[in-house]
Amino acid sequence: MCDYVRNILVPYWTRQKELVGAPDDQECILQLDVWSVHKSVQFRTWLDQQYPWIKYRFVPGGCT
């Protein structure tokens, strides 16, 4: 999941922010399923430390 965020999402969001003239620290929302890897303290801590501008929200179980 970290590779996906680092190699896919961050470059995409960075480019989109450039295109619309948004600041580098513009917040982006990452919607996540309630899978164990997404909810893990290790992943959430990494995300918070590496990309504080990414705000994550969880989709309730059974709603995807």
Protein backbone atom coordinates (compact mmCIF):
# COMPACT_ATOMS: atom_id res chain seq x y z
CA MET A 1 0.00 0.00 0.00
CA CYS A 2 2.89 2.36 0.74
CA ASP A 3 4.27 1.77 -2.76
CA TYR A 4 0.87 2.58 -4.27
CA VAL A 5 0.65 5.84 -2.35
CA ARG A 6 4.28 6.80 -3.05
CA ASN A 7 4.45 5.77 -6.73
CA ILE A 8 0.90 6.33 -8.01
CA LEU A 9 -1.18 8.65 -5.82
CA VAL A 10 1.41 11.23 -4.79
CA PRO A 11 2.72 11.86 -8.34
CA TYR A 12 -0.85 12.05 -9.65
CA TRP A 13 -2.01 14.46 -6.95
CA THR A 14 1.15 16.53 -7.30
CA ARG A 15 0.54 16.95 -11.03
CA GLN A 16 -3.13 17.79 -10.53
CA LYS A 17 -2.25 20.43 -7.93
CA GLU A 18 0.23 21.97 -10.39
CA LEU A 19 -2.40 22.05 -13.13
CA VAL A 20 -4.93 23.92 -11.01
CA GLY A 21 -2.42 26.12 -9.22
CA ALA A 22 -3.07 24.66 -5.78
CA PRO A 23 -0.37 24.98 -3.11
CA ASP A 24 1.94 22.01 -2.51
CA ASP A 25 0.42 21.41 0.91
CA GLN A 26 -3.17 21.35 -0.40
CA GLU A 27 -4.95 18.55 1.43
CA CYS A 28 -6.18 15.52 -0.51
CA ILE A 29 -8.62 12.88 0.71
CA LEU A 30 -7.79 9.19 0.42
CA GLN A 31 -10.84 6.97 0.87
CA LEU A 32 -9.96 3.55 2.21
CA ASP A 33 -11.82 0.31 2.82
CA VAL A 34 -11.63 -1.03 6.35
CA TRP A 35 -9.11 -3.72 5.38
CA SER A 36 -6.62 -4.59 8.08
CA VAL A 37 -3.65 -3.20 6.11
CA HIS A 38 -5.41 0.16 5.70
CA LYS A 39 -6.33 0.34 9.38
CA SER A 40 -2.92 -0.76 10.65
CA VAL A 41 -1.08 1.61 12.95
CA GLN A 42 2.06 1.09 10.87
CA PHE A 43 0.44 2.29 7.63
CA ARG A 44 -1.42 5.20 9.22
CA THR A 45 1.71 6.36 11.06
CA TRP A 46 3.76 6.16 7.86
CA LEU A 47 1.12 8.11 5.93
CA ASP A 48 0.85 10.78 8.64
CA GLN A 49 4.63 11.23 8.80
CA GLN A 50 5.44 11.11 5.09
CA TYR A 51 2.43 12.93 3.66
CA PRO A 52 0.66 15.07 6.28
CA TRP A 53 -1.39 16.68 3.50
CA ILE A 54 -3.10 13.35 2.74
CA LYS A 55 -6.20 12.99 4.89
CA TYR A 56 -7.66 9.50 4.97
CA ARG A 57 -11.23 8.46 5.62
CA PHE A 58 -12.59 4.96 5.98
CA VAL A 59 -15.62 3.66 4.10
CA PRO A 60 -17.74 1.68 6.58
CA GLY A 61 -17.70 -2.09 6.19
CA GLY A 62 -20.36 -3.42 3.84
CA CYS A 63 -20.66 -0.13 1.93
CA THR A 64 -18.36 -0.89 -0.99
